[in-house]
Each structure stands twice: as C-alpha cells, then as structure tokens.
C-alpha atoms as a PDB file:
ATOM      1  CA  MET A   1     -20.440  -0.195  18.028  1.00  0.00           C
ATOM      2  CA  GLU A   2     -21.532  -3.843  17.983  1.00  0.00           C
ATOM      3  CA  GLY A   3     -21.534  -5.284  14.502  1.00  0.00           C
ATOM      4  CA  LEU A   4     -19.169  -2.705  12.991  1.00  0.00           C
ATOM      5  CA  PRO A   5     -16.181  -4.224  11.155  1.00  0.00           C
ATOM      6  CA  PHE A   6     -13.599  -2.058  12.928  1.00  0.00           C
ATOM      7  CA  HIS A   7     -11.075  -2.760  15.672  1.00  0.00           C
ATOM      8  CA  GLU A   8     -10.385  -0.347  18.524  1.00  0.00           C
ATOM      9  CA  GLY A   9      -7.616   1.500  16.687  1.00  0.00           C
ATOM     10  CA  GLU A  10      -9.820   2.257  13.698  1.00  0.00           C
ATOM     11  CA  LEU A  11     -12.626   3.470  15.957  1.00  0.00           C
ATOM     12  CA  GLU A  12     -10.175   5.680  17.869  1.00  0.00           C
ATOM     13  CA  ALA A  13      -8.824   7.121  14.607  1.00  0.00           C
ATOM     14  CA  GLN A  14     -12.342   7.926  13.422  1.00  0.00           C
ATOM     15  CA  SER A  15     -13.004   9.663  16.728  1.00  0.00           C
ATOM     16  CA  LEU A  16      -9.755  11.655  16.637  1.00  0.00           C
ATOM     17  CA  ALA A  17     -10.591  12.774  13.102  1.00  0.00           C
ATOM     18  CA  GLY A  18     -14.069  13.812  14.200  1.00  0.00           C
ATOM     19  CA  LEU A  19     -15.576  11.502  11.603  1.00  0.00           C
ATOM     20  CA  GLY A  20     -17.487   8.257  11.560  1.00  0.00           C
ATOM     21  CA  SER A  21     -18.022   5.414   9.136  1.00  0.00           C
ATOM     22  CA  ARG A  22     -20.752   2.837   9.047  1.00  0.00           C
ATOM     23  CA  GLY A  23     -18.433   0.371   7.345  1.00  0.00           C
ATOM     24  CA  ALA A  24     -21.268  -0.820   5.147  1.00  0.00           C
ATOM     25  CA  GLY A  25     -18.880  -1.648   2.319  1.00  0.00           C
ATOM     26  CA  ILE A  26     -16.712  -4.043   4.355  1.00  0.00           C
ATOM     27  CA  ARG A  27     -17.836  -7.636   3.894  1.00  0.00           C
ATOM     28  CA  GLU A  28     -16.713 -11.063   5.076  1.00  0.00           C
ATOM     29  CA  PHE A  29     -16.823 -12.292   1.484  1.00  0.00           C
ATOM     30  CA  MET A  30     -16.059 -10.989  -2.002  1.00  0.00           C
ATOM     31  CA  PRO A  31     -18.988  -9.989  -4.205  1.00  0.00           C
ATOM     32  CA  ASP A  32     -18.885 -11.366  -7.730  1.00  0.00           C
ATOM     33  CA  GLN A  33     -17.700  -8.096  -9.244  1.00  0.00           C
ATOM     34  CA  HIS A  34     -14.657  -8.096  -6.950  1.00  0.00           C
ATOM     35  CA  ARG A  35     -13.879 -11.723  -7.750  1.00  0.00           C
ATOM     36  CA  GLU A  36     -14.036 -10.958 -11.455  1.00  0.00           C
ATOM     37  CA  PHE A  37     -11.930  -7.825 -11.040  1.00  0.00           C
ATOM     38  CA  PHE A  38      -9.007  -9.665  -9.423  1.00  0.00           C
ATOM     39  CA  GLY A  39      -9.006 -12.041 -12.385  1.00  0.00           C
ATOM     40  CA  LEU A  40      -8.245  -9.149 -14.762  1.00  0.00           C
ATOM     41  CA  LEU A  41      -5.027  -8.058 -13.090  1.00  0.00           C
ATOM     42  CA  PRO A  42      -1.401  -8.753 -14.080  1.00  0.00           C
ATOM     43  CA  TYR A  43      -0.094  -7.449 -10.713  1.00  0.00           C
ATOM     44  CA  LEU A  44      -1.209  -7.527  -7.090  1.00  0.00           C
ATOM     45  CA  PHE A  45       0.093  -5.588  -4.083  1.00  0.00           C
ATOM     46  CA  ALA A  46       0.509  -7.597  -0.890  1.00  0.00           C
ATOM     47  CA  ALA A  47       1.557  -7.131   2.731  1.00  0.00           C
ATOM     48  CA  GLY A  48       2.667  -9.482   5.475  1.00  0.00           C
ATOM     49  CA  ARG A  49       4.688  -9.491   8.685  1.00  0.00           C
ATOM     50  CA  ASP A  50       8.378 -10.406   8.786  1.00  0.00           C
ATOM     51  CA  GLU A  51       9.953 -12.705  11.379  1.00  0.00           C
ATOM     52  CA  ALA A  52      10.029  -9.818  13.880  1.00  0.00           C
ATOM     53  CA  GLY A  53       6.355  -8.978  13.289  1.00  0.00           C
ATOM     54  CA  ARG A  54       7.085  -5.837  11.276  1.00  0.00           C
ATOM     55  CA  PRO A  55       4.869  -5.096   8.254  1.00  0.00           C
ATOM     56  CA  ILE A  56       6.455  -5.402   4.834  1.00  0.00           C
ATOM     57  CA  ALA A  57       4.935  -4.661   1.417  1.00  0.00           C
ATOM     58  CA  THR A  58       5.573  -6.188  -1.994  1.00  0.00           C
ATOM     59  CA  VAL A  59       4.040  -6.685  -5.427  1.00  0.00           C
ATOM     60  CA  LEU A  60       3.288 -10.020  -7.117  1.00  0.00           C
ATOM     61  CA  THR A  61       3.039 -10.357 -10.884  1.00  0.00           C
ATOM     62  CA  GLY A  62       1.811 -12.892 -13.409  1.00  0.00           C
ATOM     63  CA  GLU A  63       0.017 -13.331 -16.675  1.00  0.00           C
ATOM     64  CA  ASP A  64      -3.431 -11.799 -17.029  1.00  0.00           C
ATOM     65  CA  GLY A  65      -5.747 -14.076 -15.075  1.00  0.00           C
ATOM     66  CA  PHE A  66      -3.070 -15.288 -12.626  1.00  0.00           C
ATOM     67  CA  ILE A  67      -5.535 -14.520  -9.809  1.00  0.00           C
ATOM     68  CA  SER A  68      -8.743 -16.519  -9.532  1.00  0.00           C
ATOM     69  CA  SER A  69     -11.503 -16.870  -6.952  1.00  0.00           C
ATOM     70  CA  PRO A  70     -12.737 -20.458  -6.446  1.00  0.00           C
ATOM     71  CA  SER A  71     -15.363 -19.193  -3.986  1.00  0.00           C
ATOM     72  CA  PRO A  72     -16.483 -15.868  -2.458  1.00  0.00           C
ATOM     73  CA  THR A  73     -14.041 -16.401   0.431  1.00  0.00           C
ATOM     74  CA  GLU A  74     -11.029 -17.666  -1.528  1.00  0.00           C
ATOM     75  CA  LEU A  75      -8.348 -16.225  -3.776  1.00  0.00           C
ATOM     76  CA  ALA A  76      -5.872 -18.393  -5.661  1.00  0.00           C
ATOM     77  CA  ILE A  77      -2.749 -16.491  -6.736  1.00  0.00           C
ATOM     78  CA  ALA A  78      -0.634 -18.303  -9.318  1.00  0.00           C
ATOM     79  CA  ALA A  79       2.546 -16.491  -8.319  1.00  0.00           C
ATOM     80  CA  LEU A  80       5.097 -16.432  -5.526  1.00  0.00           C
ATOM     81  CA  PRO A  81       7.335 -13.624  -4.289  1.00  0.00           C
ATOM     82  CA  ALA A  82      10.449 -13.238  -6.425  1.00  0.00           C
ATOM     83  CA  LEU A  83      13.598 -15.084  -5.325  1.00  0.00           C
ATOM     84  CA  HIS A  84      15.255 -12.009  -3.807  1.00  0.00           C
ATOM     85  CA  ASP A  85      12.099 -10.351  -2.466  1.00  0.00           C
ATOM     86  CA  PRO A  86      12.667  -9.533   1.238  1.00  0.00           C
ATOM     87  CA  ALA A  87       8.927 -10.000   1.779  1.00  0.00           C
ATOM     88  CA  GLY A  88       9.057 -13.614   0.597  1.00  0.00           C
ATOM     89  CA  PRO A  89       9.333 -15.265   4.047  1.00  0.00           C
ATOM     90  CA  ALA A  90       6.430 -13.125   5.314  1.00  0.00           C
ATOM     91  CA  LEU A  91       3.990 -14.813   2.934  1.00  0.00           C
ATOM     92  CA  SER A  92       3.791 -18.350   4.321  1.00  0.00           C
ATOM     93  CA  PRO A  93       0.931 -20.672   5.321  1.00  0.00           C
ATOM     94  CA  GLY A  94      -0.789 -19.468   8.471  1.00  0.00           C
ATOM     95  CA  ASP A  95       0.351 -15.871   7.996  1.00  0.00           C
ATOM     96  CA  ALA A  96      -2.058 -12.955   7.795  1.00  0.00           C
ATOM     97  CA  ILE A  97      -1.970 -11.178   4.433  1.00  0.00           C
ATOM     98  CA  GLY A  98      -3.303  -7.912   3.075  1.00  0.00           C
ATOM     99  CA  LEU A  99      -4.061  -7.627  -0.627  1.00  0.00           C
ATOM    100  CA  LEU A 100      -4.728  -4.640  -2.832  1.00  0.00           C
ATOM    101  CA  GLY A 101      -5.914  -5.147  -6.370  1.00  0.00           C
ATOM    102  CA  ILE A 102      -5.527  -1.962  -8.363  1.00  0.00           C
ATOM    103  CA  ASP A 103      -5.863  -1.457 -12.103  1.00  0.00           C
ATOM    104  CA  LEU A 104      -3.946   1.654 -13.038  1.00  0.00           C
ATOM    105  CA  ARG A 105      -5.527   1.607 -16.499  1.00  0.00           C
ATOM    106  CA  THR A 106      -9.004   2.211 -15.061  1.00  0.00           C
ATOM    107  CA  ARG A 107      -8.109   3.579 -11.560  1.00  0.00           C
ATOM    108  CA  ARG A 108     -10.263   0.880  -9.996  1.00  0.00           C
ATOM    109  CA  ARG A 109      -9.198  -0.841  -6.759  1.00  0.00           C
ATOM    110  CA  ASN A 110     -10.442  -3.450  -4.294  1.00  0.00           C
ATOM    111  CA  ARG A 111      -8.984  -4.787  -1.069  1.00  0.00           C
ATOM    112  CA  ALA A 112      -9.035  -8.297   0.385  1.00  0.00           C
ATOM    113  CA  ASN A 113      -7.499  -9.296   3.715  1.00  0.00           C
ATOM    114  CA  GLY A 114      -7.223 -12.751   5.184  1.00  0.00           C
ATOM    115  CA  VAL A 115      -4.882 -15.671   5.904  1.00  0.00           C
ATOM    116  CA  ILE A 116      -2.610 -17.706   3.650  1.00  0.00           C
ATOM    117  CA  VAL A 117      -3.797 -21.308   3.813  1.00  0.00           C
ATOM    118  CA  ALA A 118      -1.385 -22.830   1.302  1.00  0.00           C
ATOM    119  CA  ARG A 119       1.858 -22.023  -0.510  1.00  0.00           C
ATOM    120  CA  GLY A 120       3.435 -24.207  -3.152  1.00  0.00           C
ATOM    121  CA  GLU A 121       4.844 -24.270  -6.655  1.00  0.00           C
ATOM    122  CA  GLY A 122       1.447 -23.181  -7.950  1.00  0.00           C
ATOM    123  CA  GLY A 123       1.423 -20.037  -5.812  1.00  0.00           C
ATOM    124  CA  LEU A 124      -0.631 -18.898  -2.835  1.00  0.00           C
ATOM    125  CA  ARG A 125      -4.127 -19.692  -1.666  1.00  0.00           C
ATOM    126  CA  VAL A 126      -5.801 -17.144   0.618  1.00  0.00           C
ATOM    127  CA  ALA A 127      -8.854 -17.445   2.837  1.00  0.00           C
ATOM    128  CA  VAL A 128     -10.500 -14.022   2.659  1.00  0.00           C
ATOM    129  CA  SER A 129     -12.091 -12.566   5.802  1.00  0.00           C
ATOM    130  CA  GLN A 130     -12.479  -8.924   4.715  1.00  0.00           C
ATOM    131  CA  SER A 131     -13.342  -7.525   1.292  1.00  0.00           C
ATOM    132  CA  PHE A 132     -14.091  -3.953   0.335  1.00  0.00           C
ATOM    133  CA  GLY A 133     -13.818  -1.523  -2.512  1.00  0.00           C
ATOM    134  CA  ASN A 134     -12.083   1.844  -2.530  1.00  0.00           C
ATOM    135  CA  CYS A 135     -12.842   4.876  -4.642  1.00  0.00           C
ATOM    136  CA  ALA A 136     -10.555   6.067  -7.437  1.00  0.00           C
ATOM    137  CA  LYS A 137      -9.329   9.152  -5.578  1.00  0.00           C
ATOM    138  CA  TYR A 138      -5.652  10.036  -6.025  1.00  0.00           C
ATOM    139  CA  ILE A 139      -4.936   7.079  -8.351  1.00  0.00           C
ATOM    140  CA  GLN A 140      -2.897   8.158 -11.379  1.00  0.00           C
ATOM    141  CA  SER A 141      -3.807   6.268 -14.550  1.00  0.00           C
ATOM    142  CA  ARG A 142      -1.056   4.416 -16.419  1.00  0.00           C
ATOM    143  CA  GLN A 143      -0.861   1.893 -19.228  1.00  0.00           C
ATOM    144  CA  HIS A 144       1.492  -1.062 -18.916  1.00  0.00           C
ATOM    145  CA  GLN A 145       3.410  -3.337 -21.234  1.00  0.00           C
ATOM    146  CA  ARG A 146       5.502  -6.455 -20.722  1.00  0.00           C
ATOM    147  CA  ALA A 147       9.274  -6.163 -20.345  1.00  0.00           C
ATOM    148  CA  PRO A 148      12.129  -8.419 -19.205  1.00  0.00           C
ATOM    149  CA  ALA A 149      12.693  -8.594 -15.450  1.00  0.00           C
ATOM    150  CA  LEU A 150      16.037  -9.026 -13.700  1.00  0.00           C
ATOM    151  CA  ALA A 151      16.541 -11.534 -10.891  1.00  0.00           C
ATOM    152  CA  GLU A 152      19.431  -9.818  -9.164  1.00  0.00           C
ATOM    153  CA  PRO A 153      19.932  -9.752  -5.366  1.00  0.00           C
ATOM    154  CA  ALA A 154      18.266  -6.899  -3.530  1.00  0.00           C
ATOM    155  CA  GLU A 155      20.446  -3.947  -2.555  1.00  0.00           C
ATOM    156  CA  ALA A 156      20.028  -3.489   1.205  1.00  0.00           C
ATOM    157  CA  PHE A 157      20.633  -0.196   3.014  1.00  0.00           C
ATOM    158  CA  SER A 158      19.906   1.520   6.318  1.00  0.00           C
ATOM    159  CA  GLY A 159      17.713   4.583   6.634  1.00  0.00           C
ATOM    160  CA  LEU A 160      17.375   6.184   3.198  1.00  0.00           C
ATOM    161  CA  ASP A 161      20.208   6.399   0.692  1.00  0.00           C
ATOM    162  CA  GLU A 162      20.460   9.003  -2.075  1.00  0.00           C
ATOM    163  CA  ALA A 163      18.952   6.751  -4.735  1.00  0.00           C
ATOM    164  CA  ALA A 164      15.953   6.035  -2.497  1.00  0.00           C
ATOM    165  CA  ARG A 165      15.441   9.740  -1.811  1.00  0.00           C
ATOM    166  CA  ALA A 166      15.585  10.517  -5.523  1.00  0.00           C
ATOM    167  CA  LEU A 167      12.892   7.960  -6.362  1.00  0.00           C
ATOM    168  CA  ILE A 168      10.647   9.129  -3.521  1.00  0.00           C
ATOM    169  CA  ALA A 169      11.101  12.793  -4.494  1.00  0.00           C
ATOM    170  CA  ARG A 170       9.541  12.198  -7.907  1.00  0.00           C
ATOM    171  CA  ALA A 171       6.928   9.642  -6.811  1.00  0.00           C
ATOM    172  CA  ASP A 172       3.200  10.284  -7.195  1.00  0.00           C
ATOM    173  CA  THR A 173       2.205   6.948  -5.649  1.00  0.00           C
ATOM    174  CA  LEU A 174       3.142   4.803  -2.668  1.00  0.00           C
ATOM    175  CA  PHE A 175       1.781   1.768  -0.873  1.00  0.00           C
ATOM    176  CA  ILE A 176       1.762   1.331   2.905  1.00  0.00           C
ATOM    177  CA  ALA A 177       1.601  -1.952   4.819  1.00  0.00           C
ATOM    178  CA  SER A 178       0.288  -1.841   8.374  1.00  0.00           C
ATOM    179  CA  ALA A 179      -0.801  -4.451  10.895  1.00  0.00           C
ATOM    180  CA  ALA A 180      -2.822  -4.678  14.106  1.00  0.00           C
ATOM    181  CA  ALA A 181      -5.446  -6.781  15.859  1.00  0.00           C
ATOM    182  CA  GLY A 182      -4.192  -9.946  14.179  1.00  0.00           C
ATOM    183  CA  GLY A 183      -4.624  -8.650  10.633  1.00  0.00           C
ATOM    184  CA  VAL A 184      -2.495  -7.060   7.923  1.00  0.00           C
ATOM    185  CA  ASP A 185      -3.496  -4.369   5.437  1.00  0.00           C
ATOM    186  CA  ILE A 186      -1.993  -2.638   2.421  1.00  0.00           C
ATOM    187  CA  SER A 187      -3.259   0.676   1.141  1.00  0.00           C
ATOM    188  CA  HIS A 188      -2.539   3.143  -1.671  1.00  0.00           C
ATOM    189  CA  ARG A 189      -1.577   6.797  -1.277  1.00  0.00           C
ATOM    190  CA  GLY A 190      -1.245   9.256  -4.144  1.00  0.00           C
ATOM    191  CA  GLY A 191      -0.545  12.907  -4.795  1.00  0.00           C
ATOM    192  CA  GLN A 192       1.265  15.253  -7.105  1.00  0.00           C
ATOM    193  CA  PRO A 193       4.953  14.370  -7.665  1.00  0.00           C
ATOM    194  CA  GLY A 194       6.783  15.401  -4.526  1.00  0.00           C
ATOM    195  CA  PHE A 195       3.749  14.902  -2.254  1.00  0.00           C
ATOM    196  CA  VAL A 196       6.081  13.029   0.119  1.00  0.00           C
ATOM    197  CA  ALA A 197       8.349  15.434   2.010  1.00  0.00           C
ATOM    198  CA  ILE A 198      11.865  14.128   2.703  1.00  0.00           C
ATOM    199  CA  GLU A 199      14.029  15.225   5.625  1.00  0.00           C
ATOM    200  CA  GLY A 200      16.993  12.901   6.082  1.00  0.00           C
ATOM    201  CA  ASP A 201      15.580   9.451   6.870  1.00  0.00           C
ATOM    202  CA  ARG A 202      12.128  10.853   7.690  1.00  0.00           C
ATOM    203  CA  LEU A 203       9.208  11.071   5.281  1.00  0.00           C
ATOM    204  CA  THR A 204       6.075  13.141   5.834  1.00  0.00           C
ATOM    205  CA  VAL A 205       2.958  12.071   3.947  1.00  0.00           C
ATOM    206  CA  PRO A 206      -0.367  13.940   3.745  1.00  0.00           C
ATOM    207  CA  ASP A 207      -3.606  12.152   4.528  1.00  0.00           C
ATOM    208  CA  PHE A 208      -6.259  13.451   2.152  1.00  0.00           C
ATOM    209  CA  ALA A 209     -10.026  12.942   2.383  1.00  0.00           C
ATOM    210  CA  GLY A 210     -10.891   9.274   1.907  1.00  0.00           C
ATOM    211  CA  ASN A 211     -13.511   6.692   2.845  1.00  0.00           C
ATOM    212  CA  ASN A 212     -13.351   7.450   6.587  1.00  0.00           C
ATOM    213  CA  TYR A 213     -12.602   3.820   7.438  1.00  0.00           C
ATOM    214  CA  PHE A 214      -9.129   4.754   8.752  1.00  0.00           C
ATOM    215  CA  ASN A 215      -7.827   1.223   8.304  1.00  0.00           C
ATOM    216  CA  THR A 216      -4.219   2.360   7.969  1.00  0.00           C
ATOM    217  CA  LEU A 217      -4.184   5.064  10.645  1.00  0.00           C
ATOM    218  CA  GLY A 218      -6.172   2.823  12.977  1.00  0.00           C
ATOM    219  CA  ASN A 219      -3.549   0.130  12.631  1.00  0.00           C
ATOM    220  CA  LEU A 220      -0.744   2.642  13.177  1.00  0.00           C
ATOM    221  CA  LEU A 221      -2.340   3.865  16.401  1.00  0.00           C
ATOM    222  CA  LEU A 222      -2.054   0.361  17.803  1.00  0.00           C
ATOM    223  CA  GLU A 223       1.206  -0.655  16.095  1.00  0.00           C
ATOM    224  CA  PRO A 224       3.313   2.236  14.728  1.00  0.00           C
ATOM    225  CA  ALA A 225       5.547  -0.004  12.596  1.00  0.00           C
ATOM    226  CA  ALA A 226       4.890   0.165   8.856  1.00  0.00           C
ATOM    227  CA  GLY A 227       6.292  -0.926   5.515  1.00  0.00           C
ATOM    228  CA  LEU A 228       6.357   1.305   2.443  1.00  0.00           C
ATOM    229  CA  LEU A 229       6.589   0.300  -1.203  1.00  0.00           C
ATOM    230  CA  PHE A 230       7.546   2.613  -4.066  1.00  0.00           C
ATOM    231  CA  VAL A 231       7.629   1.541  -7.715  1.00  0.00           C
ATOM    232  CA  ASP A 232       9.662   3.195 -10.441  1.00  0.00           C
ATOM    233  CA  PHE A 233       6.981   2.649 -13.061  1.00  0.00           C
ATOM    234  CA  ALA A 234       9.247   3.533 -15.982  1.00  0.00           C
ATOM    235  CA  ALA A 235      12.144   1.257 -14.988  1.00  0.00           C
ATOM    236  CA  GLY A 236      10.356  -1.544 -13.129  1.00  0.00           C
ATOM    237  CA  ASP A 237      12.403  -0.921  -9.969  1.00  0.00           C
ATOM    238  CA  VAL A 238      10.957  -1.716  -6.548  1.00  0.00           C
ATOM    239  CA  LEU A 239      11.855   0.105  -3.313  1.00  0.00           C
ATOM    240  CA  GLN A 240      10.764  -1.518  -0.031  1.00  0.00           C
ATOM    241  CA  LEU A 241      11.168   0.249   3.318  1.00  0.00           C
ATOM    242  CA  GLN A 242      10.480  -0.573   6.962  1.00  0.00           C
ATOM    243  CA  GLY A 243      10.248   1.850   9.860  1.00  0.00           C
ATOM    244  CA  GLU A 244       8.072   3.513  12.464  1.00  0.00           C
ATOM    245  CA  THR A 245       5.349   6.120  12.153  1.00  0.00           C
ATOM    246  CA  GLU A 246       3.705   8.928  14.063  1.00  0.00           C
ATOM    247  CA  ILE A 247       0.440  10.668  13.191  1.00  0.00           C
ATOM    248  CA  ILE A 248      -0.118  14.431  13.282  1.00  0.00           C
ATOM    249  CA  TRP A 249      -3.845  15.011  13.701  1.00  0.00           C
ATOM    250  CA  ASP A 250      -3.919  18.799  13.717  1.00  0.00           C
ATOM    251  CA  GLY A 251      -1.824  21.925  14.079  1.00  0.00           C
ATOM    252  CA  PRO A 252      -0.070  24.484  11.861  1.00  0.00           C
ATOM    253  CA  GLU A 253       1.990  21.869  10.020  1.00  0.00           C
ATOM    254  CA  LEU A 254      -1.097  20.828   8.056  1.00  0.00           C
ATOM    255  CA  ALA A 255      -1.048  24.201   6.289  1.00  0.00           C
ATOM    256  CA  ALA A 256       2.181  23.195   4.527  1.00  0.00           C
ATOM    257  CA  LEU A 257       0.253  21.159   1.961  1.00  0.00           C
ATOM    258  CA  SER A 258      -3.130  22.074   0.536  1.00  0.00           C
ATOM    259  CA  GLY A 259      -5.752  19.379   1.043  1.00  0.00           C
ATOM    260  CA  ALA A 260      -3.983  17.590   3.898  1.00  0.00           C
ATOM    261  CA  GLN A 261      -6.429  16.716   6.663  1.00  0.00           C
ATOM    262  CA  ARG A 262      -3.757  14.967   8.693  1.00  0.00           C
ATOM    263  CA  LEU A 263      -0.101  14.023   8.274  1.00  0.00           C
ATOM    264  CA  TRP A 264       1.840  10.921   9.110  1.00  0.00           C
ATOM    265  CA  ARG A 265       5.580  10.626   9.440  1.00  0.00           C
ATOM    266  CA  PHE A 266       7.667   7.593   8.662  1.00  0.00           C
ATOM    267  CA  ARG A 267      11.194   7.090   9.983  1.00  0.00           C
ATOM    268  CA  SER A 268      12.961   4.656   7.665  1.00  0.00           C
ATOM    269  CA  ARG A 269      15.125   2.097   9.447  1.00  0.00           C
ATOM    270  CA  ARG A 270      15.982  -0.265   6.613  1.00  0.00           C
ATOM    271  CA  GLY A 271      15.300  -0.723   2.955  1.00  0.00           C
ATOM    272  CA  TRP A 272      15.871  -2.803  -0.161  1.00  0.00           C
ATOM    273  CA  ARG A 273      16.143  -1.825  -3.809  1.00  0.00           C
ATOM    274  CA  ARG A 274      15.421  -4.356  -6.540  1.00  0.00           C
ATOM    275  CA  ARG A 275      16.317  -2.978  -9.947  1.00  0.00           C
ATOM    276  CA  ALA A 276      14.119  -3.912 -12.923  1.00  0.00           C
ATOM    277  CA  ALA A 277      12.512  -6.567 -10.725  1.00  0.00           C
ATOM    278  CA  LEU A 278       9.076  -6.262 -12.346  1.00  0.00           C
ATOM    279  CA  PRO A 279       8.229  -7.738 -15.766  1.00  0.00           C
ATOM    280  CA  LEU A 280       6.146  -4.661 -16.529  1.00  0.00           C
ATOM    281  CA  ARG A 281       6.768  -1.046 -17.494  1.00  0.00           C
ATOM    282  CA  TRP A 282       4.197   1.731 -17.291  1.00  0.00           C
ATOM    283  CA  SER A 283       3.567   4.872 -19.295  1.00  0.00           C
ATOM    284  CA  ALA A 284       3.828   8.381 -17.919  1.00  0.00           C
ATOM    285  CA  PRO A 285       0.941   9.070 -15.540  1.00  0.00           C
ATOM    286  CA  GLU A 286      -2.260  10.952 -16.111  1.00  0.00           C
ATOM    287  CA  LEU A 287      -2.922  12.549 -12.749  1.00  0.00           C
ATOM    288  CA  ALA A 288      -6.361  11.984 -11.256  1.00  0.00           C
ATOM    289  CA  PRO A 289      -8.633  15.045 -10.985  1.00  0.00           C
ATOM    290  CA  THR A 290      -8.609  14.630  -7.195  1.00  0.00           C
ATOM    291  CA  THR A 291      -4.809  14.600  -7.246  1.00  0.00           C
ATOM    292  CA  LEU A 292      -4.699  17.822  -9.242  1.00  0.00           C
ATOM    293  CA  ALA A 293      -6.910  19.421  -6.609  1.00  0.00           C
ATOM    294  CA  THR A 294      -4.260  18.839  -3.935  1.00  0.00           C
ATOM    295  CA  GLY A 295      -1.285  21.094  -3.359  1.00  0.00           C
ATOM    296  CA  ILE A 296       2.459  20.677  -3.206  1.00  0.00           C
ATOM    297  CA  TRP A 297       4.692  21.168  -0.191  1.00  0.00           C
ATOM    298  CA  ARG A 298       5.694  24.686   0.650  1.00  0.00           C
ATOM    299  CA  ARG A 299       9.278  23.932   1.548  1.00  0.00           C
ATOM    300  CA  GLU A 300       9.711  26.829   3.899  1.00  0.00           C
ATOM    301  CA  ALA A 301       6.630  25.770   5.901  1.00  0.00           C
ATOM    302  CA  CYS A 302       7.816  22.166   5.992  1.00  0.00           C
ATOM    303  CA  ALA A 303      11.266  23.200   7.194  1.00  0.00           C
ATOM    304  CA  ALA A 304       9.768  25.398   9.885  1.00  0.00           C
ATOM    305  CA  GLY A 305       7.766  22.381  11.167  1.00  0.00           C
END
C-alpha cells in the first residue's frame, strides 16, 4: 500500500466493498486544466470543521473568475462565507478545507483539499495538498442566472423540520462534508428526485457506482459525523445539516433502490435554513443518463427495513 494516497479508512472501505483503486488520479498539485476550470466558476462548494470538530458544508459565490490559482498548489478565492453562514467560523487560517468545483452547465467537477493559509477582506487563500477529478455521473445539468440574495439570519432547528423534509423529498442533488485523518472533504451525490429516503430525522442515501476511491465512506468509517448541504436551485435557499452516519454494506435493504451498491444513513441533529441566500437561480434540471438508470425507493421495502 506504500505510495497510495489513501488513509486507513479509505483502504478499509475499499476492502469492505470488495473493490480497489490505484488512486492514480489523486495528485499533490493541480494540473493546469483543473486550475483553469476553477477560474470559470461562479460558485464553489466547501467543507470545514466547526468548533467541536464536526464537519459542516457550505457554498461560496462570486463573479465569474472569483477563483484563481497563483500556482499549482494554491487557490485564491475572492469570497468569504456569508454573514449568517453557520460554516463561517469553520473556514479560518490553519483550518483544513475541502473544496468541490462543479459546473452544473457542463456536469464537470474537480476536487481540491488542503489548508487555509490566509483569510481577509479579499477572501481565502488555500494551500492545496490533494487534487483530483471526478466523472460526471449523477450530476444533473442546470443553467444559472444572477438574482438578488437576501442577508437574513439563518433559521436554526433541531433534527429535521417539515420545511427541511419537503426540500429533501424533492431534491436530486446533495453535498456531504466528511473529515478524518487530519483532512476535510466535500463530495456530490445525485439521483432521481426522492433518491433520499426520509424517516423522521433519519435520511437514507444510496451509494451508486463511482470512482472506487471511497473518500467519503472512508472518512465516515473513522469519524461518523457528517454535514449535509441541500440547495433549492429555483429559490436560492440553502439547507445545512449536521449529524451522524452509519454505513450499510450489504443485505436485503439494498434491494429497496435499484442501482444502490451500499447505503448510508444520516441522523440529523441540527440544521440551518438560509432563504434566498444565494445570488444565483438555476433552471429545471436535465437528469444525467446515469441518474436515469437508477431507481426510486420502493416505499414498502424501505419501511420494512
């Protein structure tokens, strides 16, 4: 295993899944095409740890070109978390950060993880230690346009309230923040609307075939805490959740959703809703071909589980 860019949790997850990955696409620097890609984005998904060490996810926005790369191991982000963003304190100098650049227009995405080395009026500067691309699987394409954003205080709640459940029930996309081995990561998950099963304060999410790196599940094996982010793409609302996870590697429950190779469950402990917090609005989605190949929950099977 010497030389592979995986920690013990990721290697264990690969073993439990009966799969392996050479990790050839994970680099300690950003290739030029990744550096150029980040510079095209008007939004960037990010993850950090809060004061208690729990992962939390958010989204940063700016004008096109608000992200630049001064060198192959640096990203300069000309934006800060919004005033009422609960993830704001988690993105400070010296903190680990996970970044996901995703262009919903083209379904292209790249990841960059590292450490925040500076924060000021001009934004964030990140020293990148891991860079890798992800395929376009399960990414729904959307077009965006500018719109006014509100700067109202976040609405805090425990567990999941009815408004949170309603947003999640119609979601085709989520983002999950996880952390382990000194690093932080944020990853995308997608499926047909309703691909997240809701039972009270517990969510069940399918794990479809991916790149076999198991960055997220590997982190969750070592540290079950996670942060979820849902975006209401039509309204610009942001829903941020924190809770604990468990992974279901096999068994009859997997039959409840076609295409699921594993499941993970998330018990929501706390959340925040920020209405119209994003200065962007997106069109209705065009589901990815890989998404259309997945199933929807059979409610009776889910209830029986």
